[in-house]
Protein backbone atom coordinates (compact mmCIF):
# COMPACT_ATOMS: atom_id res chain seq x y z
CA MET A 1 6.67 19.81 -5.73
CA THR A 2 9.21 19.31 -8.52
CA SER A 3 8.53 20.83 -11.92
CA ARG A 4 7.43 18.51 -14.71
CA PRO A 5 9.46 18.29 -17.96
CA SER A 6 8.47 20.42 -20.94
CA THR A 7 5.94 19.10 -23.46
CA ALA A 8 8.71 18.42 -25.97
CA ASP A 9 10.70 16.48 -23.38
CA LEU A 10 7.62 14.52 -22.32
CA ARG A 11 6.92 13.64 -25.94
CA ARG A 12 10.45 12.30 -26.30
CA ARG A 13 10.50 10.42 -22.98
CA LEU A 14 7.04 8.88 -23.53
CA ALA A 15 7.51 7.91 -27.18
CA HIS A 16 7.25 4.24 -26.17
CA VAL A 17 3.82 4.76 -24.57
CA ARG A 18 0.53 3.87 -26.27
CA TRP A 19 -2.82 5.01 -24.92
CA ILE A 20 -6.13 3.12 -24.74
CA ALA A 21 -8.81 5.40 -23.34
CA GLY A 22 -12.46 6.23 -23.98
CA GLY A 23 -15.71 5.22 -22.36
CA ALA A 24 -16.42 2.91 -19.45
CA GLY A 25 -17.58 -0.57 -20.39
CA ALA A 26 -15.91 -0.52 -23.82
CA GLY A 27 -13.57 -3.40 -23.03
CA LYS A 28 -10.38 -1.36 -22.67
CA SER A 29 -8.92 -3.66 -20.01
CA THR A 30 -9.90 -6.77 -21.96
CA VAL A 31 -8.18 -5.66 -25.16
CA THR A 32 -5.17 -4.39 -23.19
CA ARG A 33 -4.76 -7.83 -21.61
CA ALA A 34 -4.99 -9.42 -25.04
CA LEU A 35 -2.24 -7.14 -26.33
CA ALA A 36 -0.09 -7.82 -23.28
CA GLU A 37 -0.37 -11.57 -23.86
CA ARG A 38 0.94 -11.20 -27.42
CA HIS A 39 3.56 -8.49 -27.02
CA ASP A 40 6.37 -7.69 -24.62
CA VAL A 41 4.74 -4.67 -23.01
CA LEU A 42 4.14 -3.15 -19.61
CA VAL A 43 0.57 -2.21 -18.68
CA TYR A 44 -0.39 0.88 -16.73
CA ASP A 45 -3.79 0.12 -15.20
CA GLY A 46 -5.48 3.44 -14.47
CA ASP A 47 -8.06 1.91 -12.14
CA ARG A 48 -5.38 0.35 -9.95
CA ALA A 49 -3.20 3.44 -10.12
CA GLU A 50 -6.09 5.61 -8.94
CA LEU A 51 -5.66 4.21 -5.43
CA GLY A 52 -2.30 5.93 -5.29
CA TYR A 53 -3.73 9.29 -6.32
CA VAL A 54 -5.57 9.53 -3.00
CA HIS A 55 -2.37 10.01 -1.02
CA ARG A 56 -1.01 12.55 -3.51
CA CYS A 57 -4.16 14.65 -3.73
CA ASP A 58 -3.81 18.30 -2.72
CA PRO A 59 -6.88 20.50 -2.05
CA GLN A 60 -5.35 23.41 -3.96
CA ARG A 61 -4.17 21.52 -7.04
CA GLN A 62 -6.97 18.91 -7.17
CA PRO A 63 -10.04 20.54 -5.58
CA TYR A 64 -12.59 18.33 -7.39
CA LEU A 65 -10.79 15.13 -6.41
CA TRP A 66 -10.34 16.40 -2.86
CA ALA A 67 -14.08 17.09 -2.59
CA LEU A 68 -15.00 13.74 -4.15
CA LEU A 69 -12.85 11.80 -1.69
CA ARG A 70 -14.69 13.46 1.18
CA THR A 71 -18.17 12.72 -0.14
CA PRO A 72 -19.87 9.49 1.07
CA ARG A 73 -20.19 6.97 -1.76
CA GLU A 74 -23.98 6.95 -1.78
CA ASP A 75 -24.09 10.76 -1.94
CA ARG A 76 -21.81 10.82 -4.97
CA TRP A 77 -24.63 9.33 -7.05
CA ALA A 78 -27.95 9.62 -5.23
CA SER A 79 -27.92 13.32 -4.39
CA ARG A 80 -26.91 14.73 -7.80
CA THR A 81 -28.07 14.62 -11.41
CA ALA A 82 -25.99 12.93 -14.08
CA GLU A 83 -25.01 16.36 -15.40
CA GLU A 84 -23.82 17.48 -11.97
CA ILE A 85 -21.85 14.27 -11.52
CA PHE A 86 -20.25 14.72 -14.95
CA HIS A 87 -19.25 18.34 -14.37
CA ALA A 88 -17.73 17.42 -10.99
CA MET A 89 -15.47 14.70 -12.45
CA PRO A 90 -11.85 15.44 -11.47
CA SER A 91 -10.60 14.08 -14.79
CA LEU A 92 -12.81 16.49 -16.74
CA HIS A 93 -10.83 19.29 -15.11
CA GLY A 94 -7.44 17.73 -15.76
CA GLU A 95 -6.78 16.81 -12.15
CA THR A 96 -5.67 13.20 -12.65
CA PHE A 97 -3.50 13.37 -15.78
CA GLY A 98 -0.52 14.75 -13.90
CA PHE A 99 -0.54 11.68 -11.68
CA VAL A 100 -0.51 9.47 -14.78
CA LEU A 101 2.47 11.34 -16.23
CA ASP A 102 4.44 11.11 -13.00
CA ASP A 103 3.75 7.38 -12.80
CA LEU A 104 4.76 6.78 -16.43
CA LEU A 105 8.00 8.71 -16.05
CA ALA A 106 8.89 6.45 -13.12
CA LEU A 107 8.46 3.25 -15.18
CA PRO A 108 11.22 1.55 -17.19
CA ALA A 109 11.37 2.78 -20.79
CA ASP A 110 13.00 -0.31 -22.31
CA ARG A 111 9.77 -1.67 -23.78
CA PRO A 112 6.32 -0.40 -24.79
CA VAL A 113 3.86 0.72 -22.13
CA LEU A 114 0.12 0.42 -22.72
CA VAL A 115 -1.94 2.89 -20.72
CA ASP A 116 -5.42 1.58 -19.93
CA ASP A 117 -7.10 4.66 -18.49
CA PHE A 118 -10.71 5.81 -18.63
CA ARG A 119 -9.76 9.24 -17.28
CA THR A 120 -7.40 10.34 -20.05
CA LEU A 121 -8.90 12.91 -22.40
CA PRO A 122 -7.79 13.57 -26.00
CA ARG A 123 -6.76 17.16 -25.28
CA GLU A 124 -4.35 15.94 -22.60
CA VAL A 125 -2.60 13.24 -24.55
CA ALA A 126 -2.54 14.85 -28.03
CA PRO A 127 0.50 17.12 -27.38
CA LEU A 128 2.53 14.10 -26.23
CA LEU A 129 2.02 11.90 -29.28
CA THR A 130 4.63 11.39 -31.96
CA ARG A 131 1.86 9.97 -34.17
CA PRO A 132 -1.92 10.52 -33.78
CA GLU A 133 -2.60 6.78 -33.91
CA HIS A 134 -0.54 6.16 -30.78
CA ALA A 135 -3.72 6.89 -28.82
CA VAL A 136 -7.12 5.35 -29.41
CA PHE A 137 -10.46 6.07 -27.75
CA LEU A 138 -12.91 3.18 -27.48
CA LEU A 139 -16.54 4.27 -27.19
CA PRO A 140 -19.20 1.62 -26.48
CA ALA A 141 -22.69 1.51 -27.93
CA PRO A 142 -25.25 2.32 -25.22
CA ASP A 143 -26.74 -1.18 -25.07
CA PHE A 144 -23.26 -2.75 -25.02
CA ARG A 145 -22.26 -0.59 -22.07
CA ALA A 146 -25.54 -1.22 -20.24
CA ARG A 147 -24.96 -4.97 -20.46
CA ALA A 148 -21.30 -4.65 -19.43
CA LEU A 149 -21.94 -2.45 -16.40
CA GLY A 150 -25.07 -4.38 -15.45
CA ALA A 151 -23.00 -7.56 -15.30
CA ARG A 152 -20.13 -5.80 -13.52
CA PHE A 153 -22.32 -4.54 -10.70
CA ALA A 154 -24.67 -7.52 -10.45
CA ASP A 155 -22.61 -8.60 -7.45
CA PRO A 156 -24.14 -6.71 -4.47
CA ALA A 157 -20.78 -6.50 -2.71
CA ARG A 158 -19.16 -4.83 -5.71
CA ALA A 159 -22.11 -2.47 -6.10
CA ARG A 160 -21.88 -1.48 -2.42
CA ALA A 161 -18.13 -0.90 -2.76
CA ASN A 162 -18.83 1.59 -5.55
CA TRP A 163 -22.15 3.11 -4.55
CA GLY A 164 -22.50 2.59 -0.82
CA GLY A 165 -25.78 1.56 0.70
CA GLY A 166 -28.12 3.60 -1.49
CA ASP A 167 -30.42 2.48 -4.30
CA HIS A 168 -28.11 0.67 -6.70
CA GLY A 169 -30.62 0.82 -9.54
CA VAL A 170 -30.70 4.61 -9.35
CA ALA A 171 -26.91 4.75 -9.07
CA LEU A 172 -26.47 2.58 -12.17
CA ALA A 173 -28.90 4.69 -14.19
CA ARG A 174 -27.04 7.87 -13.26
CA ARG A 175 -23.71 6.21 -13.96
CA LEU A 176 -24.88 5.27 -17.46
CA ALA A 177 -26.19 8.80 -18.08
CA ARG A 178 -22.95 10.34 -16.84
CA ASP A 179 -20.91 8.01 -19.04
CA ARG A 180 -22.91 9.11 -22.10
CA LEU A 181 -21.89 12.69 -21.37
CA TRP A 182 -18.27 11.61 -20.99
CA ASP A 183 -18.44 9.80 -24.35
CA GLU A 184 -19.77 12.96 -26.00
CA GLU A 185 -16.87 14.96 -24.59
CA VAL A 186 -14.29 12.38 -25.69
CA ARG A 187 -15.80 12.19 -29.17
CA ARG A 188 -15.86 15.98 -29.53
CA GLN A 189 -12.25 16.40 -28.42
CA ALA A 190 -10.91 13.49 -30.46
CA GLY A 191 -12.69 14.70 -33.59
CA GLY A 192 -11.26 18.18 -33.21
CA LEU A 193 -7.74 16.82 -32.72
CA GLY A 194 -7.83 14.13 -35.39
CA LEU A 195 -7.36 11.27 -32.94
CA PRO A 196 -8.88 7.85 -33.67
CA VAL A 197 -12.18 6.81 -32.11
CA VAL A 198 -13.24 3.17 -32.32
CA PRO A 199 -16.91 2.27 -31.73
CA VAL A 200 -17.46 -0.93 -29.75
CA ASP A 201 -20.73 -2.85 -30.01
CA GLY A 202 -19.66 -6.46 -29.52
CA SER A 203 -19.76 -7.33 -33.22
CA ARG A 204 -15.98 -7.76 -33.42
CA SER A 205 -13.90 -10.22 -31.46
CA VAL A 206 -11.36 -9.07 -28.91
CA ALA A 207 -8.63 -10.78 -30.95
CA ASP A 208 -9.53 -8.80 -34.07
CA LEU A 209 -9.62 -5.51 -32.21
CA ALA A 210 -6.31 -6.28 -30.49
CA ALA A 211 -4.71 -7.10 -33.84
CA ASP A 212 -5.87 -3.78 -35.28
CA LEU A 213 -4.54 -1.85 -32.29
CA ALA A 214 -1.20 -3.68 -32.38
CA ALA A 215 -0.78 -2.62 -36.00
CA MET A 216 -1.92 0.93 -35.27
CA PHE A 217 0.45 1.18 -32.31
CA ARG A 218 3.31 -0.45 -34.26
CA LEU A 219 4.07 -2.60 -31.24
CA ASP A 220 6.39 -4.86 -33.20
CA GLN A 221 8.49 -1.88 -34.29
CA ILE A 222 9.18 -0.29 -30.91
CA THR A 223 12.67 -0.85 -29.60
């Protein structure tokens, strides 16, 4: 395993990167697509990239991820409480952020990169920012998230792909409860570090939110 650059070097090499993280169901991917349509940027899709983490997972360096990958999908949700699921999240223990950094360092640096990643926590990204507003954390209102995830997993095939053959209603309820705990952690960390948190409740259009983020990220000023 090669050593990773120092924090100062990472900050310099990733100065063109902007981060969109936060809670599930907040519309991160939707607003990232809107920004990508208007600006000459690359997009790092954390959900797609996660597939590549599987082959790079090591039981010593990523024990929570290693254990998760060896747990049947239905058991990941049905056999544990929301609190247990939350505390077993690999990203809560910093196990996935190294993969993100390695992937970003391998991308071209000739234009902005937008990172769309649920797993990124404020404490991980804060040391790498040249300005606090280069990362934003979108946190959805509970009813907004419930509608978003309810629609997302209304397709039985998609629900089975995520939750196996167990009770999907129970799995969704525990997913929503776990995500509330994740939101609380993100909000606590971001507040302590002075990083921006944006509440999402559906009252603002995607275009308006994208325009605000483009200005915050200074996308037109990155060379």
